[in-house]
Protein backbone atom coordinates (compact mmCIF):
# COMPACT_ATOMS: atom_id res chain seq x y z
CA MET A 1 114.41 88.73 115.40
CA VAL A 2 111.10 87.19 114.34
CA ASP A 3 108.11 89.46 114.92
CA GLU A 4 104.77 88.19 116.17
CA PHE A 5 103.26 88.04 112.68
CA GLN A 6 106.11 85.85 111.42
CA ARG A 7 105.93 83.61 114.51
CA SER A 8 102.18 83.18 114.09
CA LEU A 9 102.43 82.57 110.35
CA GLN A 10 105.01 79.84 110.90
CA LYS A 11 102.62 78.12 113.28
CA VAL A 12 99.72 78.36 110.82
CA LEU A 13 101.77 77.04 107.92
CA VAL A 14 102.60 73.88 109.87
CA HIS A 15 98.92 72.99 109.46
CA GLU A 16 98.36 74.44 105.99
CA GLY A 17 99.99 71.96 103.66
CA GLY A 18 100.96 72.25 100.06
CA PHE A 19 98.65 72.24 97.08
CA SER A 20 95.13 70.80 97.28
CA ASN A 21 92.30 70.74 94.78
CA HIS A 22 89.82 68.22 96.14
CA PRO A 23 86.51 68.21 94.21
CA LYS A 24 84.47 68.26 97.45
CA ASP A 25 86.41 71.22 98.91
CA PRO A 26 84.38 74.41 98.32
CA GLY A 27 87.60 76.43 98.36
CA CYS A 28 88.75 74.67 95.17
CA ALA A 29 92.47 74.98 94.40
CA THR A 30 94.39 75.96 97.54
CA MET A 31 98.09 76.37 98.30
CA LYS A 32 99.26 76.77 101.90
CA GLY A 33 95.81 77.94 102.93
CA VAL A 34 95.39 80.51 100.16
CA THR A 35 92.57 79.77 97.73
CA GLN A 36 92.78 80.48 94.03
CA ARG A 37 90.08 83.15 94.37
CA VAL A 38 92.00 85.02 97.10
CA TYR A 39 95.23 84.72 95.13
CA ASP A 40 93.56 86.07 91.98
CA GLU A 41 92.18 89.03 93.94
CA TYR A 42 95.63 89.75 95.35
CA ARG A 43 97.38 89.50 91.97
CA ARG A 44 94.81 91.83 90.37
CA SER A 45 95.22 94.33 93.23
CA VAL A 46 98.94 94.65 92.50
CA GLY A 47 98.44 94.84 88.73
CA ALA A 48 99.80 91.36 88.03
CA PRO A 49 98.22 88.75 85.76
CA THR A 50 96.48 85.84 87.44
CA TRP A 51 97.99 82.38 87.37
CA SER A 52 97.82 79.17 89.34
CA VAL A 53 97.98 79.43 93.11
CA LYS A 54 100.58 76.65 92.86
CA ASN A 55 102.99 79.43 91.83
CA ILE A 56 102.48 81.63 94.90
CA SER A 57 105.74 83.10 96.16
CA SER A 58 106.72 83.43 99.79
CA ILE A 59 106.43 87.21 99.52
CA GLU A 60 102.91 86.99 98.08
CA LEU A 61 101.89 84.42 100.70
CA GLN A 62 103.06 86.68 103.51
CA ALA A 63 101.38 89.74 101.99
CA ILE A 64 98.06 87.90 101.68
CA TYR A 65 98.16 86.52 105.21
CA ARG A 66 99.08 89.94 106.61
CA GLN A 67 96.46 91.91 104.63
CA LYS A 68 93.54 89.48 104.63
CA TYR A 69 93.93 87.85 108.03
CA TRP A 70 96.45 89.46 110.39
CA ASN A 71 95.41 93.07 109.78
CA GLU A 72 91.70 92.13 109.83
CA ILE A 73 91.98 90.75 113.37
CA LYS A 74 94.32 93.59 114.39
CA GLY A 75 96.98 91.01 115.17
CA ASP A 76 99.52 93.64 116.21
CA ARG A 77 97.27 94.53 119.13
CA LEU A 78 96.99 90.97 120.44
CA ALA A 79 99.21 89.68 123.19
CA ALA A 80 102.05 87.41 122.15
CA GLY A 81 100.81 83.84 122.09
CA VAL A 82 97.18 84.86 121.62
CA SER A 83 97.76 85.84 118.01
């Protein structure tokens, strides 16, 4: 069974494409909505060396979305569909 976080993440990822590094984008290098800066912070927090956000794994992507976004908005407390 897919939980609400997974359902919501699937919906977000439909709109967050692959890799982007447009010179006019202030977020710089981005993969599936995760910027290089956020990815570097995450990798450092788990004691891993930094590398290109192009290499983000599904597990890392989910951990970042859960920690930095879902938990921040207290997504588990939101009604299904609102999240």
